[in-house]
Amino acid sequence: LPITTRSSTSSCNYSSQRTHHHAMLRRWNSNNAKDNASKQQQSTTFLERFLAPKTMPPRYTPKWYAEMMLICTVFGITGSTTMVVVRPAVTDVLKLEGNMRDGPWSYRICSL
């Protein structure tokens, strides 16, 4: 690209053209983003919407407490189920007898 020098009047004109161009690009990009968002919303499946990230409700509101109860319930169920499945598997498959308090260490490590 050739290097050219501009006079002060032409640089002002160039600056205003560049600003106008940037404004047009922002407007075009925002319109495209809206179109893409509506297309994505139409083409998503129930599973994709269900698994999509969701915003948390404001803290200490009834919806927030309900969300926290749901989270604690899910973790409680998965943790309890894991212990019900893992302990017999460690005892039957690996032939290790013991518990987390009394040991042996191999049982503790396999349980984790």
Foldseek 3Di string as FASTA:
>chain_A
DDDDDDDPVVVVVVVVVVVVVVVVVVVVVVVVVVVVVVVCVVPDDPVCVVPDDDDADDPPDPSNVVVVVVVVVVVVVVVVVLQVPQVVCCCPVVVDDDDCPPDDPVSVVSSD
